[in-house]
PDB file of N, CA and C in Angstrom:
ATOM      1  N   UNK A   1     140.209 119.680  84.172  1.00  0.00           N
ATOM      2  CA  UNK A   1     141.161 118.859  83.459  1.00  0.00           C
ATOM      3  C   UNK A   1     140.404 117.973  82.465  1.00  0.00           C
ATOM      4  N   UNK A   2     140.735 118.053  81.173  1.00  0.00           N
ATOM      5  CA  UNK A   2     140.021 117.254  80.182  1.00  0.00           C
ATOM      6  C   UNK A   2     140.331 115.762  80.328  1.00  0.00           C
ATOM      7  N   UNK A   3     139.343 114.964  79.967  1.00  0.00           N
ATOM      8  CA  UNK A   3     139.503 113.508  80.051  1.00  0.00           C
ATOM      9  C   UNK A   3     140.345 113.018  78.877  1.00  0.00           C
ATOM     10  N   UNK A   4     141.160 111.985  79.124  1.00  0.00           N
ATOM     11  CA  UNK A   4     141.970 111.448  78.045  1.00  0.00           C
ATOM     12  C   UNK A   4     141.139 110.545  77.140  1.00  0.00           C
ATOM     13  N   UNK A   5     141.776 110.051  76.049  1.00  0.00           N
ATOM     14  CA  UNK A   5     141.033 109.260  75.061  1.00  0.00           C
ATOM     15  C   UNK A   5     140.498 107.961  75.649  1.00  0.00           C
ATOM     16  N   UNK A   6     141.238 107.341  76.555  1.00  0.00           N
ATOM     17  CA  UNK A   6     140.786 106.087  77.155  1.00  0.00           C
ATOM     18  C   UNK A   6     139.503 106.271  77.950  1.00  0.00           C
ATOM     19  N   UNK A   7     139.417 107.367  78.683  1.00  0.00           N
ATOM     20  CA  UNK A   7     138.211 107.641  79.460  1.00  0.00           C
ATOM     21  C   UNK A   7     137.059 107.976  78.529  1.00  0.00           C
ATOM     22  N   UNK A   8     137.326 108.701  77.455  1.00  0.00           N
ATOM     23  CA  UNK A   8     136.273 109.023  76.489  1.00  0.00           C
ATOM     24  C   UNK A   8     135.717 107.755  75.838  1.00  0.00           C
ATOM     25  N   UNK A   9     136.608 106.801  75.510  1.00  0.00           N
ATOM     26  CA  UNK A   9     136.151 105.545  74.908  1.00  0.00           C
ATOM     27  C   UNK A   9     135.346 104.718  75.901  1.00  0.00           C
ATOM     28  N   UNK A  10     135.638 104.875  77.170  1.00  0.00           N
ATOM     29  CA  UNK A  10     134.911 104.131  78.199  1.00  0.00           C
ATOM     30  C   UNK A  10     133.432 104.490  78.199  1.00  0.00           C
ATOM     31  N   UNK A  11     133.104 105.712  77.827  1.00  0.00           N
ATOM     32  CA  UNK A  11     131.719 106.166  77.833  1.00  0.00           C
ATOM     33  C   UNK A  11     131.144 106.271  76.418  1.00  0.00           C
ATOM     34  N   UNK A  12     131.583 105.412  75.514  1.00  0.00           N
ATOM     35  CA  UNK A  12     131.015 105.371  74.169  1.00  0.00           C
ATOM     36  C   UNK A  12     129.829 104.412  74.142  1.00  0.00           C
ATOM     37  N   UNK A  13     129.110 104.400  73.036  1.00  0.00           N
ATOM     38  CA  UNK A  13     127.934 103.534  72.906  1.00  0.00           C
ATOM     39  C   UNK A  13     128.330 102.060  72.899  1.00  0.00           C
ATOM     40  N   UNK A  14     129.424 101.732  72.221  1.00  0.00           N
ATOM     41  CA  UNK A  14     129.868 100.340  72.172  1.00  0.00           C
ATOM     42  C   UNK A  14     130.229  99.815  73.562  1.00  0.00           C
ATOM     43  N   UNK A  15     130.932 100.611  74.312  1.00  0.00           N
ATOM     44  CA  UNK A  15     131.308 100.148  75.654  1.00  0.00           C
ATOM     45  C   UNK A  15     130.093 100.082  76.575  1.00  0.00           C
ATOM     46  N   UNK A  16     129.111 100.952  76.371  1.00  0.00           N
ATOM     47  CA  UNK A  16     127.887 100.883  77.173  1.00  0.00           C
ATOM     48  C   UNK A  16     127.120  99.606  76.868  1.00  0.00           C
ATOM     49  N   UNK A  17     127.043  99.229  75.601  1.00  0.00           N
ATOM     50  CA  UNK A  17     126.366  97.985  75.233  1.00  0.00           C
ATOM     51  C   UNK A  17     127.113  96.772  75.792  1.00  0.00           C
ATOM     52  N   UNK A  18     128.428  96.796  75.707  1.00  0.00           N
ATOM     53  CA  UNK A  18     129.218  95.681  76.239  1.00  0.00           C
ATOM     54  C   UNK A  18     129.070  95.586  77.758  1.00  0.00           C
ATOM     55  N   UNK A  19     129.098  96.724  78.430  1.00  0.00           N
ATOM     56  CA  UNK A  19     128.939  96.745  79.886  1.00  0.00           C
ATOM     57  C   UNK A  19     127.555  96.257  80.294  1.00  0.00           C
ATOM     58  N   UNK A  20     126.554  96.653  79.542  1.00  0.00           N
ATOM     59  CA  UNK A  20     125.182  96.202  79.835  1.00  0.00           C
ATOM     60  C   UNK A  20     125.066  94.693  79.688  1.00  0.00           C
ATOM     61  N   UNK A  21     125.635  94.146  78.630  1.00  0.00           N
ATOM     62  CA  UNK A  21     125.594  92.699  78.417  1.00  0.00           C
ATOM     63  C   UNK A  21     126.329  91.959  79.526  1.00  0.00           C
ATOM     64  N   UNK A  22     127.494  92.467  79.895  1.00  0.00           N
ATOM     65  CA  UNK A  22     128.257  91.834  80.971  1.00  0.00           C
ATOM     66  C   UNK A  22     127.490  91.897  82.281  1.00  0.00           C
ATOM     67  N   UNK A  23     126.875  93.024  82.568  1.00  0.00           N
ATOM     68  CA  UNK A  23     126.127  93.161  83.829  1.00  0.00           C
ATOM     69  C   UNK A  23     124.921  92.232  83.878  1.00  0.00           C
ATOM     70  N   UNK A  24     124.237  92.059  82.760  1.00  0.00           N
ATOM     71  CA  UNK A  24     123.098  91.135  82.732  1.00  0.00           C
ATOM     72  C   UNK A  24     123.588  89.703  82.943  1.00  0.00           C
ATOM     73  N   UNK A  25     124.709  89.352  82.340  1.00  0.00           N
ATOM     74  CA  UNK A  25     125.256  88.004  82.520  1.00  0.00           C
ATOM     75  C   UNK A  25     125.755  87.771  83.941  1.00  0.00           C
ATOM     76  N   UNK A  26     126.378  88.783  84.530  1.00  0.00           N
ATOM     77  CA  UNK A  26     126.834  88.651  85.919  1.00  0.00           C
ATOM     78  C   UNK A  26     125.639  88.540  86.862  1.00  0.00           C
ATOM     79  N   UNK A  27     124.600  89.312  86.606  1.00  0.00           N
ATOM     80  CA  UNK A  27     123.415  89.201  87.456  1.00  0.00           C
ATOM     81  C   UNK A  27     122.738  87.844  87.291  1.00  0.00           C
ATOM     82  N   UNK A  28     122.832  87.263  86.110  1.00  0.00           N
ATOM     83  CA  UNK A  28     122.319  85.911  85.902  1.00  0.00           C
ATOM     84  C   UNK A  28     123.121  84.899  86.717  1.00  0.00           C
ATOM     85  N   UNK A  29     124.437  85.066  86.727  1.00  0.00           N
ATOM     86  CA  UNK A  29     125.289  84.130  87.470  1.00  0.00           C
ATOM     87  C   UNK A  29     125.146  84.299  88.977  1.00  0.00           C
ATOM     88  N   UNK A  30     124.992  85.534  89.431  1.00  0.00           N
ATOM     89  CA  UNK A  30     124.940  85.798  90.876  1.00  0.00           C
ATOM     90  C   UNK A  30     123.529  85.638  91.433  1.00  0.00           C
ATOM     91  N   UNK A  31     122.544  86.225  90.775  1.00  0.00           N
ATOM     92  CA  UNK A  31     121.197  86.255  91.339  1.00  0.00           C
ATOM     93  C   UNK A  31     120.189  85.355  90.664  1.00  0.00           C
ATOM     94  N   UNK A  32     120.568  84.737  89.559  1.00  0.00           N
ATOM     95  CA  UNK A  32     119.651  83.854  88.866  1.00  0.00           C
ATOM     96  C   UNK A  32     118.858  84.574  87.792  1.00  0.00           C
ATOM     97  N   UNK A  33     117.906  83.856  87.193  1.00  0.00           N
ATOM     98  CA  UNK A  33     117.163  84.437  86.067  1.00  0.00           C
ATOM     99  C   UNK A  33     116.281  85.630  86.438  1.00  0.00           C
ATOM    100  N   UNK A  34     115.767  85.655  87.650  1.00  0.00           N
ATOM    101  CA  UNK A  34     114.934  86.808  88.042  1.00  0.00           C
ATOM    102  C   UNK A  34     115.770  88.079  88.146  1.00  0.00           C
ATOM    103  N   UNK A  35     116.950  87.965  88.728  1.00  0.00           N
ATOM    104  CA  UNK A  35     117.824  89.143  88.831  1.00  0.00           C
ATOM    105  C   UNK A  35     118.249  89.617  87.456  1.00  0.00           C
ATOM    106  N   UNK A  36     118.526  88.680  86.569  1.00  0.00           N
ATOM    107  CA  UNK A  36     118.918  89.037  85.216  1.00  0.00           C
ATOM    108  C   UNK A  36     117.769  89.717  84.467  1.00  0.00           C
ATOM    109  N   UNK A  37     116.558  89.208  84.641  1.00  0.00           N
ATOM    110  CA  UNK A  37     115.400  89.836  84.003  1.00  0.00           C
ATOM    111  C   UNK A  37     115.161  91.234  84.565  1.00  0.00           C
ATOM    112  N   UNK A  38     115.290  91.395  85.874  1.00  0.00           N
ATOM    113  CA  UNK A  38     115.134  92.714  86.482  1.00  0.00           C
ATOM    114  C   UNK A  38     116.170  93.705  85.982  1.00  0.00           C
ATOM    115  N   UNK A  39     117.416  93.240  85.860  1.00  0.00           N
ATOM    116  CA  UNK A  39     118.492  94.100  85.349  1.00  0.00           C
ATOM    117  C   UNK A  39     118.213  94.491  83.900  1.00  0.00           C
ATOM    118  N   UNK A  40     117.807  93.541  83.072  1.00  0.00           N
ATOM    119  CA  UNK A  40     117.542  93.847  81.666  1.00  0.00           C
ATOM    120  C   UNK A  40     116.374  94.821  81.523  1.00  0.00           C
ATOM    121  N   UNK A  41     115.318  94.627  82.302  1.00  0.00           N
ATOM    122  CA  UNK A  41     114.179  95.550  82.238  1.00  0.00           C
ATOM    123  C   UNK A  41     114.569  96.953  82.684  1.00  0.00           C
ATOM    124  N   UNK A  42     115.404  97.056  83.709  1.00  0.00           N
ATOM    125  CA  UNK A  42     115.854  98.378  84.164  1.00  0.00           C
ATOM    126  C   UNK A  42     116.708  99.057  83.108  1.00  0.00           C
ATOM    127  N   UNK A  43     117.648  98.323  82.535  1.00  0.00           N
ATOM    128  CA  UNK A  43     118.503  98.901  81.504  1.00  0.00           C
ATOM    129  C   UNK A  43     117.675  99.377  80.313  1.00  0.00           C
ATOM    130  N   UNK A  44     116.693  98.593  79.922  1.00  0.00           N
ATOM    131  CA  UNK A  44     115.854  98.953  78.786  1.00  0.00           C
ATOM    132  C   UNK A  44     114.984 100.170  79.089  1.00  0.00           C
ATOM    133  N   UNK A  45     114.274 100.138  80.219  1.00  0.00           N
ATOM    134  CA  UNK A  45     113.317 101.210  80.495  1.00  0.00           C
ATOM    135  C   UNK A  45     113.999 102.538  80.801  1.00  0.00           C
ATOM    136  N   UNK A  46     115.073 102.512  81.546  1.00  0.00           N
ATOM    137  CA  UNK A  46     115.757 103.767  81.874  1.00  0.00           C
ATOM    138  C   UNK A  46     116.476 104.314  80.649  1.00  0.00           C
ATOM    139  N   UNK A  47     117.002 103.437  79.814  1.00  0.00           N
ATOM    140  CA  UNK A  47     117.632 103.915  78.579  1.00  0.00           C
ATOM    141  C   UNK A  47     116.615 104.594  77.668  1.00  0.00           C
ATOM    142  N   UNK A  48     115.415 104.043  77.589  1.00  0.00           N
ATOM    143  CA  UNK A  48     114.356 104.696  76.808  1.00  0.00           C
ATOM    144  C   UNK A  48     114.041 106.071  77.393  1.00  0.00           C
ATOM    145  N   UNK A  49     113.945 106.154  78.711  1.00  0.00           N
ATOM    146  CA  UNK A  49     113.675 107.452  79.347  1.00  0.00           C
ATOM    147  C   UNK A  49     114.746 108.474  79.005  1.00  0.00           C
ATOM    148  N   UNK A  50     115.991 108.063  79.042  1.00  0.00           N
ATOM    149  CA  UNK A  50     117.087 108.990  78.789  1.00  0.00           C
ATOM    150  C   UNK A  50     117.106 109.423  77.323  1.00  0.00           C
ATOM    151  N   UNK A  51     116.894 108.493  76.410  1.00  0.00           N
ATOM    152  CA  UNK A  51     116.897 108.838  74.983  1.00  0.00           C
ATOM    153  C   UNK A  51     115.754 109.796  74.658  1.00  0.00           C
ATOM    154  N   UNK A  52     114.571 109.516  75.172  1.00  0.00           N
ATOM    155  CA  UNK A  52     113.433 110.403  74.903  1.00  0.00           C
ATOM    156  C   UNK A  52     113.677 111.786  75.505  1.00  0.00           C
ATOM    157  N   UNK A  53     114.197 111.840  76.705  1.00  0.00           N
ATOM    158  CA  UNK A  53     114.492 113.136  77.325  1.00  0.00           C
ATOM    159  C   UNK A  53     115.537 113.909  76.535  1.00  0.00           C
ATOM    160  N   UNK A  54     116.557 113.225  76.026  1.00  0.00           N
ATOM    161  CA  UNK A  54     117.581 113.898  75.221  1.00  0.00           C
ATOM    162  C   UNK A  54     116.998 114.420  73.915  1.00  0.00           C
ATOM    163  N   UNK A  55     116.133 113.636  73.284  1.00  0.00           N
ATOM    164  CA  UNK A  55     115.515 114.084  72.031  1.00  0.00           C
ATOM    165  C   UNK A  55     114.581 115.273  72.262  1.00  0.00           C
ATOM    166  N   UNK A  56     113.814 115.235  73.333  1.00  0.00           N
ATOM    167  CA  UNK A  56     112.931 116.358  73.650  1.00  0.00           C
ATOM    168  C   UNK A  56     113.735 117.617  73.944  1.00  0.00           C
ATOM    169  N   UNK A  57     114.819 117.462  74.680  1.00  0.00           N
ATOM    170  CA  UNK A  57     115.667 118.613  75.001  1.00  0.00           C
ATOM    171  C   UNK A  57     116.273 119.205  73.735  1.00  0.00           C
ATOM    172  N   UNK A  58     116.773 118.355  72.844  1.00  0.00           N
ATOM    173  CA  UNK A  58     117.339 118.846  71.586  1.00  0.00           C
ATOM    174  C   UNK A  58     116.262 119.501  70.717  1.00  0.00           C
ATOM    175  N   UNK A  59     115.073 118.921  70.733  1.00  0.00           N
ATOM    176  CA  UNK A  59     113.970 119.495  69.956  1.00  0.00           C
ATOM    177  C   UNK A  59     113.605 120.881  70.475  1.00  0.00           C
ATOM    178  N   UNK A  60     113.503 121.019  71.788  1.00  0.00           N
ATOM    179  CA  UNK A  60     113.137 122.311  72.359  1.00  0.00           C
ATOM    180  C   UNK A  60     114.243 123.345  72.184  1.00  0.00           C
ATOM    181  N   UNK A  61     115.496 122.912  72.179  1.00  0.00           N
ATOM    182  CA  UNK A  61     116.595 123.853  71.978  1.00  0.00           C
ATOM    183  C   UNK A  61     116.607 124.403  70.552  1.00  0.00           C
ATOM    184  N   UNK A  62     116.119 123.622  69.597  1.00  0.00           N
ATOM    185  CA  UNK A  62     116.135 124.024  68.196  1.00  0.00           C
ATOM    186  C   UNK A  62     114.759 124.447  67.694  1.00  0.00           C
ATOM    187  N   UNK A  63     113.851 124.728  68.595  1.00  0.00           N
ATOM    188  CA  UNK A  63     112.462 124.992  68.223  1.00  0.00           C
ATOM    189  C   UNK A  63     112.293 126.255  67.381  1.00  0.00           C
ATOM    190  N   UNK A  64     113.008 127.305  67.721  1.00  0.00           N
ATOM    191  CA  UNK A  64     112.840 128.576  67.011  1.00  0.00           C
ATOM    192  C   UNK A  64     113.478 128.576  65.629  1.00  0.00           C
ATOM    193  N   UNK A  65     114.514 127.775  65.454  1.00  0.00           N
ATOM    194  CA  UNK A  65     115.360 127.914  64.279  1.00  0.00           C
ATOM    195  C   UNK A  65     115.046 126.964  63.134  1.00  0.00           C
ATOM    196  N   UNK A  66     114.021 126.171  63.245  1.00  0.00           N
ATOM    197  CA  UNK A  66     113.756 125.238  62.143  1.00  0.00           C
ATOM    198  C   UNK A  66     112.253 125.036  61.965  1.00  0.00           C
ATOM    199  N   UNK A  67     111.909 124.699  60.754  1.00  0.00           N
ATOM    200  CA  UNK A  67     110.533 124.331  60.435  1.00  0.00           C
ATOM    201  C   UNK A  67     110.484 122.819  60.358  1.00  0.00           C
ATOM    202  N   UNK A  68     109.936 122.208  61.372  1.00  0.00           N
ATOM    203  CA  UNK A  68     109.875 120.748  61.438  1.00  0.00           C
ATOM    204  C   UNK A  68     108.531 120.258  60.902  1.00  0.00           C
ATOM    205  N   UNK A  69     108.560 119.055  60.286  1.00  0.00           N
ATOM    206  CA  UNK A  69     107.283 118.447  59.916  1.00  0.00           C
ATOM    207  C   UNK A  69     106.512 118.035  61.173  1.00  0.00           C
ATOM    208  N   UNK A  70     105.234 117.839  61.028  1.00  0.00           N
ATOM    209  CA  UNK A  70     104.374 117.593  62.180  1.00  0.00           C
ATOM    210  C   UNK A  70     104.570 116.195  62.767  1.00  0.00           C
ATOM    211  N   UNK A  71     104.860 115.160  61.947  1.00  0.00           N
ATOM    212  CA  UNK A  71     104.900 113.787  62.458  1.00  0.00           C
ATOM    213  C   UNK A  71     106.040 113.533  63.432  1.00  0.00           C
ATOM    214  N   UNK A  72     107.261 113.977  63.168  1.00  0.00           N
ATOM    215  CA  UNK A  72     108.297 113.770  64.196  1.00  0.00           C
ATOM    216  C   UNK A  72     107.978 114.510  65.492  1.00  0.00           C
ATOM    217  N   UNK A  73     107.360 115.656  65.375  1.00  0.00           N
ATOM    218  CA  UNK A  73     106.980 116.405  66.568  1.00  0.00           C
ATOM    219  C   UNK A  73     105.926 115.647  67.369  1.00  0.00           C
ATOM    220  N   UNK A  74     104.938 115.131  66.694  1.00  0.00           N
ATOM    221  CA  UNK A  74     103.907 114.351  67.386  1.00  0.00           C
ATOM    222  C   UNK A  74     104.479 113.083  67.999  1.00  0.00           C
ATOM    223  N   UNK A  75     105.422 112.453  67.310  1.00  0.00           N
ATOM    224  CA  UNK A  75     106.059 111.257  67.856  1.00  0.00           C
ATOM    225  C   UNK A  75     106.827 111.576  69.136  1.00  0.00           C
ATOM    226  N   UNK A  76     107.556 112.681  69.142  1.00  0.00           N
ATOM    227  CA  UNK A  76     108.304 113.061  70.339  1.00  0.00           C
ATOM    228  C   UNK A  76     107.389 113.381  71.510  1.00  0.00           C
ATOM    229  N   UNK A  77     106.299 114.072  71.232  1.00  0.00           N
ATOM    230  CA  UNK A  77     105.352 114.389  72.304  1.00  0.00           C
ATOM    231  C   UNK A  77     104.699 113.114  72.832  1.00  0.00           C
ATOM    232  N   UNK A  78     104.350 112.201  71.934  1.00  0.00           N
ATOM    233  CA  UNK A  78     103.770 110.920  72.369  1.00  0.00           C
ATOM    234  C   UNK A  78     104.775 110.123  73.187  1.00  0.00           C
ATOM    235  N   UNK A  79     106.021 110.116  72.768  1.00  0.00           N
ATOM    236  CA  UNK A  79     107.058 109.404  73.518  1.00  0.00           C
ATOM    237  C   UNK A  79     107.251 110.014  74.902  1.00  0.00           C
ATOM    238  N   UNK A  80     107.133 111.333  74.986  1.00  0.00           N
ATOM    239  CA  UNK A  80     107.262 111.990  76.283  1.00  0.00           C
ATOM    240  C   UNK A  80     106.177 111.525  77.245  1.00  0.00           C
ATOM    241  N   UNK A  81     104.967 111.360  76.734  1.00  0.00           N
ATOM    242  CA  UNK A  81     103.865 110.938  77.596  1.00  0.00           C
ATOM    243  C   UNK A  81     103.831 109.430  77.836  1.00  0.00           C
ATOM    244  N   UNK A  82     104.525 108.654  77.021  1.00  0.00           N
ATOM    245  CA  UNK A  82     104.514 107.198  77.167  1.00  0.00           C
ATOM    246  C   UNK A  82     105.649 106.705  78.054  1.00  0.00           C
ATOM    247  N   UNK A  83     106.753 107.450  78.143  1.00  0.00           N
ATOM    248  CA  UNK A  83     107.927 106.931  78.834  1.00  0.00           C
ATOM    249  C   UNK A  83     107.702 106.692  80.323  1.00  0.00           C
ATOM    250  N   UNK A  84     106.998 107.544  81.006  1.00  0.00           N
ATOM    251  CA  UNK A  84     106.775 107.337  82.440  1.00  0.00           C
ATOM    252  C   UNK A  84     105.826 106.166  82.714  1.00  0.00           C
ATOM    253  N   UNK A  85     104.681 106.055  82.021  1.00  0.00           N
ATOM    254  CA  UNK A  85     103.848 104.865  82.254  1.00  0.00           C
ATOM    255  C   UNK A  85     104.557 103.558  81.891  1.00  0.00           C
ATOM    256  N   UNK A  86     105.418 103.596  80.883  1.00  0.00           N
ATOM    257  CA  UNK A  86     106.185 102.405  80.532  1.00  0.00           C
ATOM    258  C   UNK A  86     107.130 102.011  81.660  1.00  0.00           C
ATOM    259  N   UNK A  87     107.788 102.990  82.248  1.00  0.00           N
ATOM    260  CA  UNK A  87     108.684 102.720  83.375  1.00  0.00           C
ATOM    261  C   UNK A  87     107.893 102.174  84.568  1.00  0.00           C
ATOM    262  N   UNK A  88     106.749 102.770  84.856  1.00  0.00           N
ATOM    263  CA  UNK A  88     105.918 102.287  85.970  1.00  0.00           C
ATOM    264  C   UNK A  88     105.430 100.869  85.701  1.00  0.00           C
ATOM    265  N   UNK A  89     105.084 100.567  84.451  1.00  0.00           N
ATOM    266  CA  UNK A  89     104.689  99.210  84.096  1.00  0.00           C
ATOM    267  C   UNK A  89     105.816  98.223  84.387  1.00  0.00           C
ATOM    268  N   UNK A  90     107.044  98.591  84.017  1.00  0.00           N
ATOM    269  CA  UNK A  90     108.176  97.709  84.297  1.00  0.00           C
ATOM    270  C   UNK A  90     108.421  97.553  85.796  1.00  0.00           C
ATOM    271  N   UNK A  91     108.216  98.616  86.551  1.00  0.00           N
ATOM    272  CA  UNK A  91     108.369  98.521  88.010  1.00  0.00           C
ATOM    273  C   UNK A  91     107.361  97.527  88.579  1.00  0.00           C
ATOM    274  N   UNK A  92     106.091  97.631  88.157  1.00  0.00           N
ATOM    275  CA  UNK A  92     105.078  96.684  88.639  1.00  0.00           C
ATOM    276  C   UNK A  92     105.382  95.257  88.190  1.00  0.00           C
ATOM    277  N   UNK A  93     105.863  95.105  86.976  1.00  0.00           N
ATOM    278  CA  UNK A  93     106.212  93.787  86.470  1.00  0.00           C
ATOM    279  C   UNK A  93     107.324  93.150  87.305  1.00  0.00           C
ATOM    280  N   UNK A  94     108.342  93.931  87.600  1.00  0.00           N
ATOM    281  CA  UNK A  94     109.447  93.420  88.411  1.00  0.00           C
ATOM    282  C   UNK A  94     108.982  93.147  89.834  1.00  0.00           C
ATOM    283  N   UNK A  95     108.119  93.985  90.358  1.00  0.00           N
ATOM    284  CA  UNK A  95     107.603  93.769  91.715  1.00  0.00           C
ATOM    285  C   UNK A  95     106.819  92.459  91.788  1.00  0.00           C
ATOM    286  N   UNK A  96     106.051  92.167  90.750  1.00  0.00           N
ATOM    287  CA  UNK A  96     105.290  90.915  90.730  1.00  0.00           C
ATOM    288  C   UNK A  96     106.198  89.705  90.557  1.00  0.00           C
ATOM    289  N   UNK A  97     107.349  89.889  89.892  1.00  0.00           N
ATOM    290  CA  UNK A  97     108.301  88.790  89.748  1.00  0.00           C
ATOM    291  C   UNK A  97     108.888  88.420  91.104  1.00  0.00           C
ATOM    292  N   UNK A  98     109.121  89.431  91.935  1.00  0.00           N
ATOM    293  CA  UNK A  98     109.620  89.207  93.287  1.00  0.00           C
ATOM    294  C   UNK A  98     111.038  88.678  93.315  1.00  0.00           C
ATOM    295  N   UNK A  99     111.430  88.226  94.484  1.00  0.00           N
ATOM    296  CA  UNK A  99     112.757  87.646  94.659  1.00  0.00           C
ATOM    297  C   UNK A  99     113.878  88.619  94.352  1.00  0.00           C
ATOM    298  N   UNK A 100     114.835  88.146  93.595  1.00  0.00           N
ATOM    299  CA  UNK A 100     116.010  88.962  93.287  1.00  0.00           C
ATOM    300  C   UNK A 100     115.777  89.913  92.112  1.00  0.00           C
ATOM    301  N   UNK A 101     114.576  89.876  91.523  1.00  0.00           N
ATOM    302  CA  UNK A 101     114.291  90.775  90.399  1.00  0.00           C
ATOM    303  C   UNK A 101     114.344  92.240  90.832  1.00  0.00           C
ATOM    304  N   UNK A 102     113.878  92.518  92.045  1.00  0.00           N
ATOM    305  CA  UNK A 102     113.923  93.902  92.542  1.00  0.00           C
ATOM    306  C   UNK A 102     115.356  94.392  92.708  1.00  0.00           C
ATOM    307  N   UNK A 103     116.219  93.529  93.214  1.00  0.00           N
ATOM    308  CA  UNK A 103     117.627  93.907  93.365  1.00  0.00           C
ATOM    309  C   UNK A 103     118.278  94.143  92.009  1.00  0.00           C
ATOM    310  N   UNK A 104     117.990  93.281  91.055  1.00  0.00           N
ATOM    311  CA  UNK A 104     118.529  93.464  89.718  1.00  0.00           C
ATOM    312  C   UNK A 104     118.017  94.735  89.060  1.00  0.00           C
ATOM    313  N   UNK A 105     116.739  95.036  89.267  1.00  0.00           N
ATOM    314  CA  UNK A 105     116.154  96.245  88.701  1.00  0.00           C
ATOM    315  C   UNK A 105     116.797  97.492  89.310  1.00  0.00           C
ATOM    316  N   UNK A 106     116.917  97.508  90.613  1.00  0.00           N
ATOM    317  CA  UNK A 106     117.549  98.659  91.273  1.00  0.00           C
ATOM    318  C   UNK A 106     118.997  98.834  90.860  1.00  0.00           C
ATOM    319  N   UNK A 107     119.714  97.737  90.732  1.00  0.00           N
ATOM    320  CA  UNK A 107     121.111  97.815  90.303  1.00  0.00           C
ATOM    321  C   UNK A 107     121.211  98.300  88.857  1.00  0.00           C
ATOM    322  N   UNK A 108     120.281  97.878  88.017  1.00  0.00           N
ATOM    323  CA  UNK A 108     120.272  98.345  86.627  1.00  0.00           C
ATOM    324  C   UNK A 108     120.018  99.836  86.522  1.00  0.00           C
ATOM    325  N   UNK A 109     119.096 100.339  87.323  1.00  0.00           N
ATOM    326  CA  UNK A 109     118.830 101.780  87.341  1.00  0.00           C
ATOM    327  C   UNK A 109     120.075 102.539  87.807  1.00  0.00           C
ATOM    328  N   UNK A 110     120.694 102.045  88.858  1.00  0.00           N
ATOM    329  CA  UNK A 110     121.919 102.672  89.368  1.00  0.00           C
ATOM    330  C   UNK A 110     123.020 102.663  88.312  1.00  0.00           C
ATOM    331  N   UNK A 111     123.154 101.557  87.603  1.00  0.00           N
ATOM    332  CA  UNK A 111     124.175 101.449  86.568  1.00  0.00           C
ATOM    333  C   UNK A 111     123.964 102.477  85.461  1.00  0.00           C
ATOM    334  N   UNK A 112     122.748 102.618  84.999  1.00  0.00           N
ATOM    335  CA  UNK A 112     122.476 103.558  83.907  1.00  0.00           C
ATOM    336  C   UNK A 112     122.718 105.001  84.347  1.00  0.00           C
ATOM    337  N   UNK A 113     122.265 105.368  85.522  1.00  0.00           N
ATOM    338  CA  UNK A 113     122.441 106.752  85.949  1.00  0.00           C
ATOM    339  C   UNK A 113     123.883 107.076  86.312  1.00  0.00           C
ATOM    340  N   UNK A 114     124.636 106.115  86.826  1.00  0.00           N
ATOM    341  CA  UNK A 114     126.071 106.347  87.055  1.00  0.00           C
ATOM    342  C   UNK A 114     126.804 106.525  85.726  1.00  0.00           C
ATOM    343  N   UNK A 115     126.447 105.716  84.734  1.00  0.00           N
ATOM    344  CA  UNK A 115     127.045 105.866  83.408  1.00  0.00           C
ATOM    345  C   UNK A 115     126.659 107.202  82.785  1.00  0.00           C
ATOM    346  N   UNK A 116     125.441 107.653  83.029  1.00  0.00           N
ATOM    347  CA  UNK A 116     125.001 108.944  82.503  1.00  0.00           C
ATOM    348  C   UNK A 116     125.796 110.093  83.117  1.00  0.00           C
ATOM    349  N   UNK A 117     126.063 110.009  84.405  1.00  0.00           N
ATOM    350  CA  UNK A 117     126.873 111.044  85.060  1.00  0.00           C
ATOM    351  C   UNK A 117     128.287 111.047  84.482  1.00  0.00           C
ATOM    352  N   UNK A 118     128.863 109.865  84.315  1.00  0.00           N
ATOM    353  CA  UNK A 118     130.207 109.785  83.724  1.00  0.00           C
ATOM    354  C   UNK A 118     130.234 110.313  82.314  1.00  0.00           C
ATOM    355  N   UNK A 119     129.229 109.958  81.517  1.00  0.00           N
ATOM    356  CA  UNK A 119     129.156 110.453  80.149  1.00  0.00           C
ATOM    357  C   UNK A 119     129.049 111.971  80.117  1.00  0.00           C
ATOM    358  N   UNK A 120     128.218 112.545  80.993  1.00  0.00           N
ATOM    359  CA  UNK A 120     128.047 113.997  80.989  1.00  0.00           C
ATOM    360  C   UNK A 120     129.329 114.710  81.421  1.00  0.00           C
ATOM    361  N   UNK A 121     130.079 114.102  82.333  1.00  0.00           N
ATOM    362  CA  UNK A 121     131.352 114.707  82.728  1.00  0.00           C
ATOM    363  C   UNK A 121     132.364 114.662  81.605  1.00  0.00           C
ATOM    364  N   UNK A 122     132.430 113.562  80.871  1.00  0.00           N
ATOM    365  CA  UNK A 122     133.348 113.456  79.741  1.00  0.00           C
ATOM    366  C   UNK A 122     132.880 114.369  78.606  1.00  0.00           C
ATOM    367  N   UNK A 123     131.588 114.410  78.363  1.00  0.00           N
ATOM    368  CA  UNK A 123     131.035 115.245  77.289  1.00  0.00           C
ATOM    369  C   UNK A 123     131.259 116.721  77.580  1.00  0.00           C
ATOM    370  N   UNK A 124     131.261 117.099  78.851  1.00  0.00           N
ATOM    371  CA  UNK A 124     131.437 118.496  79.240  1.00  0.00           C
ATOM    372  C   UNK A 124     132.831 119.016  78.974  1.00  0.00           C
ATOM    373  N   UNK A 125     133.791 118.120  78.684  1.00  0.00           N
ATOM    374  CA  UNK A 125     135.168 118.553  78.427  1.00  0.00           C
ATOM    375  C   UNK A 125     135.356 119.114  77.024  1.00  0.00           C
ATOM    376  N   UNK A 126     134.395 118.897  76.138  1.00  0.00           N
ATOM    377  CA  UNK A 126     134.548 119.349  74.748  1.00  0.00           C
ATOM    378  C   UNK A 126     134.561 120.841  74.654  1.00  0.00           C
TER     379      UNK A 126
END
């Protein structure tokens, strides 16, 4: 069953940005500044991972059919190798912050991946 327009708008970029802002503010109100920082770091790092993975996937899908310049290709490969150490750096940073930062970080990761599942289900209806 295809998703209606309201559900499709729920998983747009604007609503994702608004939801992220609201979640960071709610985590600030509930868990304090450490939880808010953990949530923001999770949203940032996991979003970078997802964007880089999507770009690499699109690049590999179109590899045979286009002549690409070397610099965007090198940038994508560099981003592929940088995204995991960047995520690990954020994990260590949040771990050193301690307190509610770990809870905020875990909740931020959960939020991004739940939104990704919803987006993929809505996108699959096309």
